[in-house]
Amino acid sequence: MNVQNIRSFCVEQQIPISPLFASKLQGDQFDFVVEIVSHTVNLARLGIPGAFELVHGLAQADDSNLELDRSFENSLTEAFAVWFLETRQGAKIKAVEARSLPVRSPHARNPNKSCDLMAEMNSHDIYFEVKDCSLDFGPSRTTGRRGYTPASDKDTRKWLEKQIKECFNKGANYLIARLPVWESSSCSGLDAIRQVLCEHEVVSQDCASVEMPFQIPAWFKGVFLIKRYGHVFVSVTQKSRIDTSNELPS
């Protein structure tokens, strides 16, 4: 059903399907990829701004070099975030960033920066930045193309801090990150990212609270670390908060 939905949409919209994307529509190992892309297709059918461009980019993706492969994974993560917000968080996607469609947040420190997603949650427009940890992508020693090499905990932590700061520049209320890229049915989302969090930080089955060495705007609400088999919400705190005038409800 989902595969047919994707294929029929591409035919209707005259979108060529690349060999890479065609390979993702075959075999049970890609059933989740098909599910999340089909969800984005449904949003495109509804005319949600930017959803068509996301599907178009995925359908024509190329993995002939490492940079293109990373771009494809990033786009998949964006589709994953769309699916996660609508099916797991009760949000309603209102816009997906595209080249011709910037998603501007009123909180942005840099007015030229654009968020990845805007969604309605609890009757508020909420802005999201979506990231896939490209630290885990590296050239294979044998082929020179993509290989998976998990980043060190220290490097991953630095990467996460950098992405949170980028949320401040763009005015994103939440960061959604896939970290690390490894997936396992025997490993919960928490187990997959526990090593990134310092020992003193409070961790439950699906929640964590971390302190960062910089000020946190009151409108920034935290980080969703997402995996196929679960997610962890990380609240980010710092003793001195700023910009309390525009605080949004949780």
Protein backbone atom coordinates (compact mmCIF):
# COMPACT_ATOMS: atom_id res chain seq x y z
CA MET A 1 0.00 0.00 0.00
CA ASN A 2 2.69 2.52 1.01
CA VAL A 3 4.93 1.60 -1.90
CA GLN A 4 2.04 1.99 -4.33
CA ASN A 5 1.18 5.34 -2.78
CA ILE A 6 4.72 6.60 -3.38
CA ARG A 7 5.00 5.21 -6.90
CA SER A 8 1.60 6.50 -7.99
CA PHE A 9 2.39 9.98 -6.64
CA CYS A 10 5.67 10.07 -8.56
CA VAL A 11 3.87 9.01 -11.73
CA GLU A 12 1.13 11.61 -11.24
CA GLN A 13 3.67 14.36 -10.60
CA GLN A 14 6.08 13.11 -13.29
CA ILE A 15 8.91 12.65 -10.80
CA PRO A 16 11.58 10.21 -12.05
CA ILE A 17 12.62 7.62 -9.46
CA SER A 18 16.37 7.18 -9.12
CA PRO A 19 17.98 3.74 -8.77
CA LEU A 20 18.88 4.58 -5.16
CA PHE A 21 15.32 5.47 -4.21
CA ALA A 22 13.91 2.50 -6.17
CA SER A 23 16.11 0.19 -4.11
CA LYS A 24 14.57 1.61 -0.92
CA LEU A 25 11.10 0.62 -2.11
CA GLN A 26 12.04 -3.06 -2.29
CA GLY A 27 12.47 -5.55 0.50
CA ASP A 28 11.21 -5.71 4.06
CA GLN A 29 14.41 -4.16 5.42
CA PHE A 30 13.24 -0.80 4.07
CA ASP A 31 9.64 -1.00 5.31
CA PHE A 32 10.12 1.89 7.74
CA VAL A 33 11.69 4.11 5.07
CA VAL A 34 8.66 3.41 2.90
CA GLU A 35 6.29 4.21 5.78
CA ILE A 36 7.79 7.61 6.59
CA VAL A 37 8.14 8.65 2.93
CA SER A 38 4.54 7.60 2.24
CA HIS A 39 3.46 9.82 5.14
CA THR A 40 5.25 12.79 3.52
CA VAL A 41 3.57 11.90 0.21
CA ASN A 42 0.20 12.17 1.96
CA LEU A 43 1.12 15.65 3.18
CA ALA A 44 2.18 16.61 -0.35
CA ARG A 45 -1.21 15.42 -1.64
CA LEU A 46 -2.81 17.72 0.93
CA GLY A 47 -0.75 20.63 -0.37
CA ILE A 48 1.37 21.16 2.76
CA PRO A 49 4.04 23.68 1.69
CA GLY A 50 7.42 22.08 1.08
CA ALA A 51 6.23 18.45 1.32
CA PHE A 52 6.30 18.00 -2.47
CA GLU A 53 9.88 19.28 -2.63
CA LEU A 54 10.95 16.83 0.08
CA VAL A 55 9.44 13.88 -1.77
CA HIS A 56 10.89 15.11 -5.05
CA GLY A 57 14.38 15.31 -3.55
CA LEU A 58 14.14 11.84 -2.03
CA ALA A 59 12.85 10.26 -5.24
CA GLN A 60 15.71 11.68 -7.27
CA ALA A 61 18.44 11.07 -4.68
CA ASP A 62 21.87 9.90 -5.76
CA ASP A 63 24.59 8.17 -3.75
CA SER A 64 27.43 8.42 -6.25
CA ASN A 65 29.58 10.24 -3.71
CA LEU A 66 29.73 10.67 0.04
CA GLU A 67 28.27 14.17 0.09
CA LEU A 68 25.22 13.15 -1.93
CA ASP A 69 24.78 10.11 0.28
CA ARG A 70 24.85 12.30 3.38
CA SER A 71 22.28 14.59 1.78
CA PHE A 72 19.97 11.64 1.15
CA GLU A 73 20.27 10.49 4.78
CA ASN A 74 19.54 14.03 5.97
CA SER A 75 16.41 14.17 3.82
CA LEU A 76 15.29 10.80 5.17
CA THR A 77 15.78 12.13 8.69
CA GLU A 78 13.62 15.12 7.83
CA ALA A 79 10.86 12.80 6.59
CA PHE A 80 11.34 10.76 9.76
CA ALA A 81 10.88 13.93 11.85
CA VAL A 82 7.68 14.79 9.96
CA TRP A 83 6.32 11.30 10.64
CA PHE A 84 7.44 11.42 14.29
CA LEU A 85 5.80 14.76 15.01
CA GLU A 86 2.47 13.83 13.46
CA THR A 87 2.18 10.20 14.60
CA ARG A 88 3.94 10.34 17.98
CA GLN A 89 3.58 13.93 19.20
CA GLY A 90 0.15 14.88 17.86
CA ALA A 91 1.51 17.80 15.86
CA LYS A 92 0.18 19.07 12.56
CA ILE A 93 2.88 19.93 10.03
CA LYS A 94 2.25 23.33 8.46
CA ALA A 95 5.43 23.85 6.42
CA VAL A 96 8.59 22.03 5.35
CA GLU A 97 11.61 24.09 4.41
CA ALA A 98 12.44 24.16 0.70
CA ARG A 99 14.75 26.28 -1.43
CA SER A 100 11.83 28.44 -2.47
CA LEU A 101 10.14 28.25 0.94
CA PRO A 102 12.10 29.49 3.96
CA VAL A 103 10.51 28.72 7.33
CA ARG A 104 11.19 31.85 9.38
CA SER A 105 10.86 31.85 13.14
CA PRO A 106 10.09 35.06 15.05
CA HIS A 107 12.76 34.01 17.57
CA ALA A 108 15.62 33.82 15.04
CA ARG A 109 18.77 35.65 16.06
CA ASN A 110 19.81 35.62 12.40
CA PRO A 111 16.84 36.76 10.28
CA ASN A 112 18.37 35.13 7.20
CA LYS A 113 18.27 31.68 8.78
CA SER A 114 15.41 29.25 8.20
CA CYS A 115 14.11 26.33 10.28
CA ASP A 116 13.41 22.91 8.77
CA LEU A 117 9.82 22.46 9.93
CA MET A 118 6.90 24.39 11.35
CA ALA A 119 4.08 22.55 13.07
CA GLU A 120 1.03 23.38 15.11
CA MET A 121 1.19 22.03 18.66
CA ASN A 122 -1.22 22.98 21.42
CA SER A 123 -2.59 25.76 19.17
CA HIS A 124 0.88 27.33 18.77
CA ASP A 125 3.18 27.49 15.77
CA ILE A 126 6.34 25.64 16.81
CA TYR A 127 9.61 25.59 14.88
CA PHE A 128 11.98 22.65 14.52
CA GLU A 129 15.54 22.11 13.34
CA VAL A 130 16.23 18.57 12.09
CA LYS A 131 19.71 17.05 12.00
CA ASP A 132 21.29 13.71 11.18
CA CYS A 133 24.65 13.18 12.84
CA SER A 134 26.93 13.20 9.82
CA LEU A 135 29.87 12.51 12.12
CA ASP A 136 28.92 8.85 11.74
CA PHE A 137 29.39 8.98 7.96
CA GLY A 138 32.87 8.47 6.60
CA PRO A 139 34.54 7.07 3.50
CA SER A 140 35.06 3.33 3.48
CA ARG A 141 38.70 2.27 3.52
CA THR A 142 38.03 -0.18 0.69
CA THR A 143 35.67 1.69 -1.63
CA GLY A 144 36.08 5.34 -0.64
CA ARG A 145 32.28 5.59 -0.48
CA ARG A 146 30.06 5.63 2.56
CA GLY A 147 30.83 3.67 5.65
CA TYR A 148 29.52 3.89 9.22
CA THR A 149 32.02 4.72 11.93
CA PRO A 150 30.33 5.85 15.16
CA ALA A 151 31.80 9.11 16.43
CA SER A 152 33.38 9.26 19.85
CA ASP A 153 31.18 10.29 22.76
CA LYS A 154 33.17 13.53 23.12
CA ASP A 155 32.78 14.44 19.44
CA THR A 156 29.10 13.55 19.50
CA ARG A 157 28.53 15.75 22.54
CA LYS A 158 30.30 18.65 20.81
CA TRP A 159 28.17 18.07 17.73
CA LEU A 160 24.99 18.15 19.80
CA GLU A 161 26.03 21.39 21.50
CA LYS A 162 26.76 22.95 18.11
CA GLN A 163 23.33 21.98 16.75
CA ILE A 164 21.57 23.42 19.81
CA LYS A 165 23.38 26.73 19.26
CA GLU A 166 22.28 26.65 15.62
CA CYS A 167 18.70 26.34 16.85
CA PHE A 168 19.18 29.65 18.63
CA ASN A 169 20.37 31.28 15.41
CA LYS A 170 17.37 29.95 13.50
CA GLY A 171 14.83 30.40 16.27
CA ALA A 172 13.88 26.73 16.48
CA ASN A 173 11.93 25.76 19.59
CA TYR A 174 13.14 22.16 19.35
CA LEU A 175 16.00 20.21 17.84
CA ILE A 176 15.14 16.81 16.38
CA ALA A 177 18.25 14.68 15.87
CA ARG A 178 19.02 11.14 14.76
CA LEU A 179 21.97 10.25 16.91
CA PRO A 180 23.70 8.00 16.20
CA VAL A 181 22.63 6.59 12.83
CA TRP A 182 22.84 2.98 13.99
CA GLU A 183 19.49 1.22 14.32
CA SER A 184 18.71 -1.94 16.27
CA SER A 185 15.46 -3.65 17.20
CA SER A 186 17.10 -4.88 20.43
CA CYS A 187 18.21 -1.42 21.51
CA SER A 188 15.88 1.30 22.77
CA GLY A 189 16.33 4.92 21.83
CA LEU A 190 17.65 5.62 25.32
CA ASP A 191 20.21 2.80 25.19
CA ALA A 192 21.49 4.11 21.86
CA ILE A 193 22.29 7.61 23.16
CA ARG A 194 22.92 7.03 26.88
CA GLN A 195 26.68 7.14 26.41
CA VAL A 196 26.45 10.68 24.99
CA LEU A 197 24.93 12.00 28.22
CA CYS A 198 27.13 12.69 31.21
CA GLU A 199 26.74 10.49 34.29
CA HIS A 200 25.41 13.31 36.47
CA GLU A 201 22.52 14.03 34.13
CA VAL A 202 19.10 12.68 35.05
CA VAL A 203 18.00 9.87 32.73
CA SER A 204 14.78 7.87 32.79
CA GLN A 205 13.51 5.46 30.15
CA ASP A 206 12.60 8.17 27.66
CA CYS A 207 13.64 11.48 29.24
CA ALA A 208 16.87 13.20 30.16
CA SER A 209 17.89 16.59 31.51
CA VAL A 210 21.21 18.12 30.56
CA GLU A 211 23.05 21.33 31.36
CA MET A 212 24.92 23.15 28.63
CA PRO A 213 27.81 25.62 29.15
CA PHE A 214 25.88 28.51 27.62
CA GLN A 215 22.67 30.42 28.16
CA ILE A 216 19.41 28.86 26.95
CA PRO A 217 16.62 31.09 25.60
CA ALA A 218 13.31 30.46 27.34
CA TRP A 219 11.61 29.71 24.00
CA PHE A 220 13.99 26.79 23.34
CA LYS A 221 12.28 23.71 24.77
CA GLY A 222 14.65 20.82 24.21
CA VAL A 223 15.86 18.02 21.98
CA PHE A 224 14.15 14.93 20.60
CA LEU A 225 16.66 12.17 19.87
CA ILE A 226 14.75 9.87 17.54
CA LYS A 227 15.24 6.30 16.43
CA ARG A 228 12.94 3.84 14.76
CA TYR A 229 12.41 1.89 17.96
CA GLY A 230 11.96 4.80 20.34
CA HIS A 231 12.92 8.33 21.24
CA VAL A 232 14.40 10.27 24.12
CA PHE A 233 13.38 13.80 25.03
CA VAL A 234 16.22 15.88 26.43
CA SER A 235 15.43 19.08 28.30
CA VAL A 236 18.30 21.55 28.13
CA THR A 237 18.92 23.85 31.05
CA GLN A 238 21.36 26.53 32.18
CA LYS A 239 21.28 28.52 35.39
CA SER A 240 20.83 31.88 33.71
CA ARG A 241 18.06 31.92 31.11
CA ILE A 242 17.45 34.76 28.69
CA ASP A 243 14.70 36.22 26.55
CA THR A 244 11.93 35.19 28.95
CA SER A 245 9.39 37.47 27.33
CA ASN A 246 8.45 35.01 24.58
CA GLU A 247 8.22 31.77 26.52
CA LEU A 248 5.92 29.16 24.96
CA PRO A 249 3.97 26.54 26.87
CA SER A 250 5.44 23.04 27.08
